[in-house]
PDB file of N, CA and C in Angstrom:
ATOM      1  N   MET A   1      -7.271  15.598  -4.585  1.00  0.00           N
ATOM      2  CA  MET A   1      -8.251  14.964  -5.423  1.00  0.00           C
ATOM      3  C   MET A   1      -9.067  16.029  -6.132  1.00  0.00           C
ATOM      4  N   ARG A   2      -9.392  15.717  -7.362  1.00  0.00           N
ATOM      5  CA  ARG A   2     -10.166  16.660  -8.159  1.00  0.00           C
ATOM      6  C   ARG A   2     -11.481  16.028  -8.577  1.00  0.00           C
ATOM      7  N   PRO A   3     -12.547  16.821  -8.537  1.00  0.00           N
ATOM      8  CA  PRO A   3     -13.830  16.280  -9.008  1.00  0.00           C
ATOM      9  C   PRO A   3     -13.862  16.183 -10.529  1.00  0.00           C
ATOM     10  N   ARG A   4     -14.365  15.060 -11.022  1.00  0.00           N
ATOM     11  CA  ARG A   4     -14.563  14.883 -12.452  1.00  0.00           C
ATOM     12  C   ARG A   4     -15.817  14.037 -12.626  1.00  0.00           C
ATOM     13  N   ASN A   5     -16.770  14.575 -13.349  1.00  0.00           N
ATOM     14  CA  ASN A   5     -18.058  13.913 -13.559  1.00  0.00           C
ATOM     15  C   ASN A   5     -18.739  13.564 -12.241  1.00  0.00           C
ATOM     16  N   GLY A   6     -18.597  14.426 -11.256  1.00  0.00           N
ATOM     17  CA  GLY A   6     -19.243  14.217  -9.971  1.00  0.00           C
ATOM     18  C   GLY A   6     -18.500  13.273  -9.042  1.00  0.00           C
ATOM     19  N   LEU A   7     -17.371  12.728  -9.475  1.00  0.00           N
ATOM     20  CA  LEU A   7     -16.589  11.809  -8.653  1.00  0.00           C
ATOM     21  C   LEU A   7     -15.231  12.420  -8.348  1.00  0.00           C
ATOM     22  N   MET A   8     -14.668  12.043  -7.213  1.00  0.00           N
ATOM     23  CA  MET A   8     -13.338  12.514  -6.861  1.00  0.00           C
ATOM     24  C   MET A   8     -12.307  11.600  -7.510  1.00  0.00           C
ATOM     25  N   VAL A   9     -11.341  12.189  -8.195  1.00  0.00           N
ATOM     26  CA  VAL A   9     -10.328  11.436  -8.924  1.00  0.00           C
ATOM     27  C   VAL A   9      -8.954  11.773  -8.353  1.00  0.00           C
ATOM     28  N   MET A  10      -8.135  10.736  -8.132  1.00  0.00           N
ATOM     29  CA  MET A  10      -6.777  10.952  -7.620  1.00  0.00           C
ATOM     30  C   MET A  10      -5.889  11.524  -8.716  1.00  0.00           C
ATOM     31  N   THR A  11      -5.131  12.534  -8.363  1.00  0.00           N
ATOM     32  CA  THR A  11      -4.144  13.089  -9.288  1.00  0.00           C
ATOM     33  C   THR A  11      -2.805  12.385  -9.045  1.00  0.00           C
ATOM     34  N   GLU A  12      -1.842  12.624  -9.908  1.00  0.00           N
ATOM     35  CA  GLU A  12      -0.511  12.034  -9.726  1.00  0.00           C
ATOM     36  C   GLU A  12       0.123  12.524  -8.428  1.00  0.00           C
ATOM     37  N   ASP A  13      -0.141  13.771  -8.070  1.00  0.00           N
ATOM     38  CA  ASP A  13       0.383  14.310  -6.820  1.00  0.00           C
ATOM     39  C   ASP A  13      -0.220  13.570  -5.626  1.00  0.00           C
ATOM     40  N   ASP A  14      -1.523  13.279  -5.690  1.00  0.00           N
ATOM     41  CA  ASP A  14      -2.181  12.514  -4.628  1.00  0.00           C
ATOM     42  C   ASP A  14      -1.572  11.121  -4.505  1.00  0.00           C
ATOM     43  N   ARG A  15      -1.333  10.477  -5.641  1.00  0.00           N
ATOM     44  CA  ARG A  15      -0.746   9.135  -5.643  1.00  0.00           C
ATOM     45  C   ARG A  15       0.654   9.153  -5.021  1.00  0.00           C
ATOM     46  N   ARG A  16       1.450  10.141  -5.396  1.00  0.00           N
ATOM     47  CA  ARG A  16       2.811  10.243  -4.864  1.00  0.00           C
ATOM     48  C   ARG A  16       2.794  10.464  -3.357  1.00  0.00           C
ATOM     49  N   ARG A  17       1.913  11.361  -2.889  1.00  0.00           N
ATOM     50  CA  ARG A  17       1.818  11.621  -1.453  1.00  0.00           C
ATOM     51  C   ARG A  17       1.362  10.386  -0.687  1.00  0.00           C
ATOM     52  N   LEU A  18       0.394   9.649  -1.259  1.00  0.00           N
ATOM     53  CA  LEU A  18      -0.077   8.440  -0.590  1.00  0.00           C
ATOM     54  C   LEU A  18       1.025   7.384  -0.542  1.00  0.00           C
ATOM     55  N   LEU A  19       1.762   7.211  -1.630  1.00  0.00           N
ATOM     56  CA  LEU A  19       2.859   6.241  -1.637  1.00  0.00           C
ATOM     57  C   LEU A  19       3.948   6.631  -0.638  1.00  0.00           C
ATOM     58  N   ASP A  20       4.248   7.918  -0.515  1.00  0.00           N
ATOM     59  CA  ASP A  20       5.213   8.383   0.489  1.00  0.00           C
ATOM     60  C   ASP A  20       4.712   8.068   1.896  1.00  0.00           C
ATOM     61  N   ARG A  21       3.426   8.279   2.116  1.00  0.00           N
ATOM     62  CA  ARG A  21       2.835   7.990   3.427  1.00  0.00           C
ATOM     63  C   ARG A  21       2.913   6.500   3.740  1.00  0.00           C
ATOM     64  N   LEU A  22       2.646   5.659   2.743  1.00  0.00           N
ATOM     65  CA  LEU A  22       2.717   4.214   2.952  1.00  0.00           C
ATOM     66  C   LEU A  22       4.139   3.790   3.304  1.00  0.00           C
ATOM     67  N   GLU A  23       5.125   4.359   2.626  1.00  0.00           N
ATOM     68  CA  GLU A  23       6.524   4.035   2.922  1.00  0.00           C
ATOM     69  C   GLU A  23       6.888   4.442   4.347  1.00  0.00           C
ATOM     70  N   ARG A  24       6.405   5.601   4.789  1.00  0.00           N
ATOM     71  CA  ARG A  24       6.692   6.057   6.153  1.00  0.00           C
ATOM     72  C   ARG A  24       6.058   5.139   7.189  1.00  0.00           C
ATOM     73  N   LEU A  25       4.829   4.692   6.936  1.00  0.00           N
ATOM     74  CA  LEU A  25       4.130   3.838   7.896  1.00  0.00           C
ATOM     75  C   LEU A  25       4.745   2.446   7.973  1.00  0.00           C
ATOM     76  N   GLY A  26       5.152   1.915   6.852  1.00  0.00           N
ATOM     77  CA  GLY A  26       5.715   0.572   6.826  1.00  0.00           C
ATOM     78  C   GLY A  26       4.656  -0.469   6.503  1.00  0.00           C
ATOM     79  N   GLU A  27       5.131  -1.621   6.063  1.00  0.00           N
ATOM     80  CA  GLU A  27       4.230  -2.656   5.557  1.00  0.00           C
ATOM     81  C   GLU A  27       3.288  -3.196   6.631  1.00  0.00           C
ATOM     82  N   GLN A  28       3.778  -3.434   7.842  1.00  0.00           N
ATOM     83  CA  GLN A  28       2.928  -4.023   8.876  1.00  0.00           C
ATOM     84  C   GLN A  28       1.786  -3.095   9.275  1.00  0.00           C
ATOM     85  N   LYS A  29       2.087  -1.819   9.490  1.00  0.00           N
ATOM     86  CA  LYS A  29       1.035  -0.871   9.874  1.00  0.00           C
ATOM     87  C   LYS A  29       0.019  -0.690   8.755  1.00  0.00           C
ATOM     88  N   VAL A  30       0.502  -0.608   7.518  1.00  0.00           N
ATOM     89  CA  VAL A  30      -0.410  -0.429   6.385  1.00  0.00           C
ATOM     90  C   VAL A  30      -1.321  -1.643   6.253  1.00  0.00           C
ATOM     91  N   ARG A  31      -0.754  -2.844   6.413  1.00  0.00           N
ATOM     92  CA  ARG A  31      -1.562  -4.060   6.325  1.00  0.00           C
ATOM     93  C   ARG A  31      -2.635  -4.068   7.410  1.00  0.00           C
ATOM     94  N   LEU A  32      -2.266  -3.677   8.630  1.00  0.00           N
ATOM     95  CA  LEU A  32      -3.222  -3.630   9.734  1.00  0.00           C
ATOM     96  C   LEU A  32      -4.313  -2.595   9.473  1.00  0.00           C
ATOM     97  N   MET A  33      -3.905  -1.394   9.085  1.00  0.00           N
ATOM     98  CA  MET A  33      -4.882  -0.327   8.859  1.00  0.00           C
ATOM     99  C   MET A  33      -5.804  -0.646   7.694  1.00  0.00           C
ATOM    100  N   SER A  34      -5.269  -1.243   6.639  1.00  0.00           N
ATOM    101  CA  SER A  34      -6.118  -1.568   5.492  1.00  0.00           C
ATOM    102  C   SER A  34      -7.047  -2.721   5.821  1.00  0.00           C
ATOM    103  N   GLY A  35      -6.620  -3.606   6.718  1.00  0.00           N
ATOM    104  CA  GLY A  35      -7.488  -4.703   7.130  1.00  0.00           C
ATOM    105  C   GLY A  35      -8.659  -4.223   7.964  1.00  0.00           C
ATOM    106  N   VAL A  36      -8.443  -3.188   8.757  1.00  0.00           N
ATOM    107  CA  VAL A  36      -9.512  -2.650   9.596  1.00  0.00           C
ATOM    108  C   VAL A  36     -10.520  -1.892   8.740  1.00  0.00           C
ATOM    109  N   ASP A  37     -10.076  -0.875   8.035  1.00  0.00           N
ATOM    110  CA  ASP A  37     -10.969  -0.092   7.173  1.00  0.00           C
ATOM    111  C   ASP A  37     -10.117   0.771   6.248  1.00  0.00           C
ATOM    112  N   CYS A  38      -9.825   0.248   5.089  1.00  0.00           N
ATOM    113  CA  CYS A  38      -8.901   0.907   4.166  1.00  0.00           C
ATOM    114  C   CYS A  38      -9.424   2.272   3.713  1.00  0.00           C
ATOM    115  N   VAL A  39     -10.694   2.349   3.375  1.00  0.00           N
ATOM    116  CA  VAL A  39     -11.251   3.609   2.877  1.00  0.00           C
ATOM    117  C   VAL A  39     -11.225   4.669   3.973  1.00  0.00           C
ATOM    118  N   ARG A  40     -11.478   4.269   5.204  1.00  0.00           N
ATOM    119  CA  ARG A  40     -11.483   5.225   6.309  1.00  0.00           C
ATOM    120  C   ARG A  40     -10.092   5.810   6.551  1.00  0.00           C
ATOM    121  N   PHE A  41      -9.057   4.977   6.515  1.00  0.00           N
ATOM    122  CA  PHE A  41      -7.711   5.446   6.838  1.00  0.00           C
ATOM    123  C   PHE A  41      -6.996   6.094   5.665  1.00  0.00           C
ATOM    124  N   PHE A  42      -7.277   5.659   4.441  1.00  0.00           N
ATOM    125  CA  PHE A  42      -6.489   6.118   3.309  1.00  0.00           C
ATOM    126  C   PHE A  42      -7.271   6.924   2.280  1.00  0.00           C
ATOM    127  N   GLY A  43      -8.570   6.943   2.338  1.00  0.00           N
ATOM    128  CA  GLY A  43      -9.332   7.746   1.391  1.00  0.00           C
ATOM    129  C   GLY A  43     -10.354   6.928   0.639  1.00  0.00           C
ATOM    130  N   ASN A  44     -10.555   7.261  -0.612  1.00  0.00           N
ATOM    131  CA  ASN A  44     -11.610   6.635  -1.408  1.00  0.00           C
ATOM    132  C   ASN A  44     -11.179   5.278  -1.953  1.00  0.00           C
ATOM    133  N   TRP A  45     -12.003   4.716  -2.817  1.00  0.00           N
ATOM    134  CA  TRP A  45     -11.734   3.388  -3.374  1.00  0.00           C
ATOM    135  C   TRP A  45     -10.464   3.375  -4.218  1.00  0.00           C
ATOM    136  N   GLN A  46     -10.123   4.505  -4.832  1.00  0.00           N
ATOM    137  CA  GLN A  46      -8.895   4.556  -5.632  1.00  0.00           C
ATOM    138  C   GLN A  46      -7.669   4.426  -4.732  1.00  0.00           C
ATOM    139  N   ALA A  47      -7.726   5.070  -3.585  1.00  0.00           N
ATOM    140  CA  ALA A  47      -6.626   4.951  -2.626  1.00  0.00           C
ATOM    141  C   ALA A  47      -6.549   3.526  -2.094  1.00  0.00           C
ATOM    142  N   ALA A  48      -7.697   2.910  -1.854  1.00  0.00           N
ATOM    143  CA  ALA A  48      -7.709   1.525  -1.375  1.00  0.00           C
ATOM    144  C   ALA A  48      -7.064   0.591  -2.395  1.00  0.00           C
ATOM    145  N   GLU A  49      -7.341   0.798  -3.672  1.00  0.00           N
ATOM    146  CA  GLU A  49      -6.718  -0.025  -4.711  1.00  0.00           C
ATOM    147  C   GLU A  49      -5.210   0.208  -4.770  1.00  0.00           C
ATOM    148  N   LEU A  50      -4.789   1.451  -4.615  1.00  0.00           N
ATOM    149  CA  LEU A  50      -3.357   1.760  -4.617  1.00  0.00           C
ATOM    150  C   LEU A  50      -2.664   1.103  -3.421  1.00  0.00           C
ATOM    151  N   VAL A  51      -3.328   1.087  -2.272  1.00  0.00           N
ATOM    152  CA  VAL A  51      -2.769   0.434  -1.087  1.00  0.00           C
ATOM    153  C   VAL A  51      -2.610  -1.064  -1.345  1.00  0.00           C
ATOM    154  N   GLU A  52      -3.612  -1.691  -1.948  1.00  0.00           N
ATOM    155  CA  GLU A  52      -3.520  -3.120  -2.263  1.00  0.00           C
ATOM    156  C   GLU A  52      -2.365  -3.401  -3.218  1.00  0.00           C
ATOM    157  N   GLU A  53      -2.211  -2.568  -4.242  1.00  0.00           N
ATOM    158  CA  GLU A  53      -1.099  -2.735  -5.184  1.00  0.00           C
ATOM    159  C   GLU A  53       0.244  -2.587  -4.471  1.00  0.00           C
ATOM    160  N   TRP A  54       0.342  -1.611  -3.579  1.00  0.00           N
ATOM    161  CA  TRP A  54       1.582  -1.376  -2.852  1.00  0.00           C
ATOM    162  C   TRP A  54       1.915  -2.564  -1.961  1.00  0.00           C
ATOM    163  N   LEU A  55       0.906  -3.120  -1.281  1.00  0.00           N
ATOM    164  CA  LEU A  55       1.139  -4.281  -0.425  1.00  0.00           C
ATOM    165  C   LEU A  55       1.585  -5.491  -1.239  1.00  0.00           C
ATOM    166  N   GLU A  56       0.989  -5.694  -2.410  1.00  0.00           N
ATOM    167  CA  GLU A  56       1.416  -6.790  -3.279  1.00  0.00           C
ATOM    168  C   GLU A  56       2.867  -6.593  -3.716  1.00  0.00           C
ATOM    169  N   PHE A  57       3.215  -5.368  -4.080  1.00  0.00           N
ATOM    170  CA  PHE A  57       4.589  -5.059  -4.490  1.00  0.00           C
ATOM    171  C   PHE A  57       5.567  -5.349  -3.358  1.00  0.00           C
ATOM    172  N   LYS A  58       5.230  -4.937  -2.139  1.00  0.00           N
ATOM    173  CA  LYS A  58       6.102  -5.167  -0.988  1.00  0.00           C
ATOM    174  C   LYS A  58       6.245  -6.656  -0.705  1.00  0.00           C
ATOM    175  N   SER A  59       5.183  -7.406  -0.877  1.00  0.00           N
ATOM    176  CA  SER A  59       5.237  -8.850  -0.660  1.00  0.00           C
ATOM    177  C   SER A  59       6.185  -9.512  -1.653  1.00  0.00           C
ATOM    178  N   VAL A  60       6.067  -9.143  -2.925  1.00  0.00           N
ATOM    179  CA  VAL A  60       6.956  -9.692  -3.954  1.00  0.00           C
ATOM    180  C   VAL A  60       8.393  -9.261  -3.688  1.00  0.00           C
ATOM    181  N   GLU A  61       8.575  -8.014  -3.306  1.00  0.00           N
ATOM    182  CA  GLU A  61       9.912  -7.495  -3.015  1.00  0.00           C
ATOM    183  C   GLU A  61      10.552  -8.272  -1.864  1.00  0.00           C
ATOM    184  N   ARG A  62       9.768  -8.558  -0.828  1.00  0.00           N
ATOM    185  CA  ARG A  62      10.273  -9.296   0.322  1.00  0.00           C
ATOM    186  C   ARG A  62      10.648 -10.726  -0.066  1.00  0.00           C
ATOM    187  N   GLN A  63       9.841 -11.363  -0.908  1.00  0.00           N
ATOM    188  CA  GLN A  63      10.131 -12.728  -1.343  1.00  0.00           C
ATOM    189  C   GLN A  63      11.407 -12.779  -2.170  1.00  0.00           C
ATOM    190  N   GLU A  64      11.635 -11.779  -3.006  1.00  0.00           N
ATOM    191  CA  GLU A  64      12.845 -11.743  -3.824  1.00  0.00           C
ATOM    192  C   GLU A  64      14.089 -11.529  -2.973  1.00  0.00           C
ATOM    193  N   GLN A  65      13.962 -10.801  -1.885  1.00  0.00           N
ATOM    194  CA  GLN A  65      15.112 -10.502  -1.038  1.00  0.00           C
ATOM    195  C   GLN A  65      15.529 -11.695  -0.194  1.00  0.00           C
ATOM    196  N   THR A  66      14.587 -12.547   0.141  1.00  0.00           N
ATOM    197  CA  THR A  66      14.907 -13.629   1.062  1.00  0.00           C
ATOM    198  C   THR A  66      15.900 -14.606   0.463  1.00  0.00           C
ATOM    199  N   GLY A  67      15.694 -15.044  -0.763  1.00  0.00           N
ATOM    200  CA  GLY A  67      16.617 -15.978  -1.388  1.00  0.00           C
ATOM    201  C   GLY A  67      16.673 -17.301  -0.648  1.00  0.00           C
ATOM    202  N   LEU A  68      17.665 -18.102  -0.953  1.00  0.00           N
ATOM    203  CA  LEU A  68      17.793 -19.436  -0.380  1.00  0.00           C
ATOM    204  C   LEU A  68      18.094 -19.390   1.116  1.00  0.00           C
ATOM    205  N   LEU A  69      19.065 -18.571   1.535  1.00  0.00           N
ATOM    206  CA  LEU A  69      19.403 -18.508   2.958  1.00  0.00           C
ATOM    207  C   LEU A  69      18.239 -17.995   3.789  1.00  0.00           C
ATOM    208  N   GLY A  70      17.520 -17.029   3.262  1.00  0.00           N
ATOM    209  CA  GLY A  70      16.355 -16.517   3.977  1.00  0.00           C
ATOM    210  C   GLY A  70      15.290 -17.578   4.150  1.00  0.00           C
ATOM    211  N   ARG A  71      15.096 -18.390   3.135  1.00  0.00           N
ATOM    212  CA  ARG A  71      14.110 -19.464   3.237  1.00  0.00           C
ATOM    213  C   ARG A  71      14.570 -20.555   4.197  1.00  0.00           C
ATOM    214  N   LEU A  72      15.880 -20.825   4.223  1.00  0.00           N
ATOM    215  CA  LEU A  72      16.388 -21.870   5.112  1.00  0.00           C
ATOM    216  C   LEU A  72      16.415 -21.432   6.574  1.00  0.00           C
ATOM    217  N   PHE A  73      16.844 -20.194   6.826  1.00  0.00           N
ATOM    218  CA  PHE A  73      17.044 -19.740   8.196  1.00  0.00           C
ATOM    219  C   PHE A  73      16.076 -18.648   8.631  1.00  0.00           C
ATOM    220  N   GLY A  74      15.095 -18.346   7.818  1.00  0.00           N
ATOM    221  CA  GLY A  74      14.150 -17.276   8.139  1.00  0.00           C
ATOM    222  C   GLY A  74      13.199 -17.655   9.257  1.00  0.00           C
ATOM    223  N   ARG A  75      12.472 -16.648   9.725  1.00  0.00           N
ATOM    224  CA  ARG A  75      11.479 -16.875  10.786  1.00  0.00           C
ATOM    225  C   ARG A  75      10.370 -17.780  10.291  1.00  0.00           C
ATOM    226  N   ARG A  76       9.866 -18.584  11.178  1.00  0.00           N
ATOM    227  CA  ARG A  76       8.741 -19.481  10.849  1.00  0.00           C
ATOM    228  C   ARG A  76       7.668 -19.350  11.868  1.00  0.00           C
TER     229      ARG A  76
END
């Protein structure tokens, strides 16, 4: 992170590293950690927003993968 106008700003390298970390942790752990205290575990408000975007993306990705058979025979 680099300071700009007195605030810390995420660089593209920071974003890439955070996204790699989220992929390593997995959706369930990230959801749990962000529910407890997103800023504490992942960084500033910019990181918290990136985590929310990533979780939304994973949710949409999971829904697209399930398809008809997944909806019929999936876990309930």
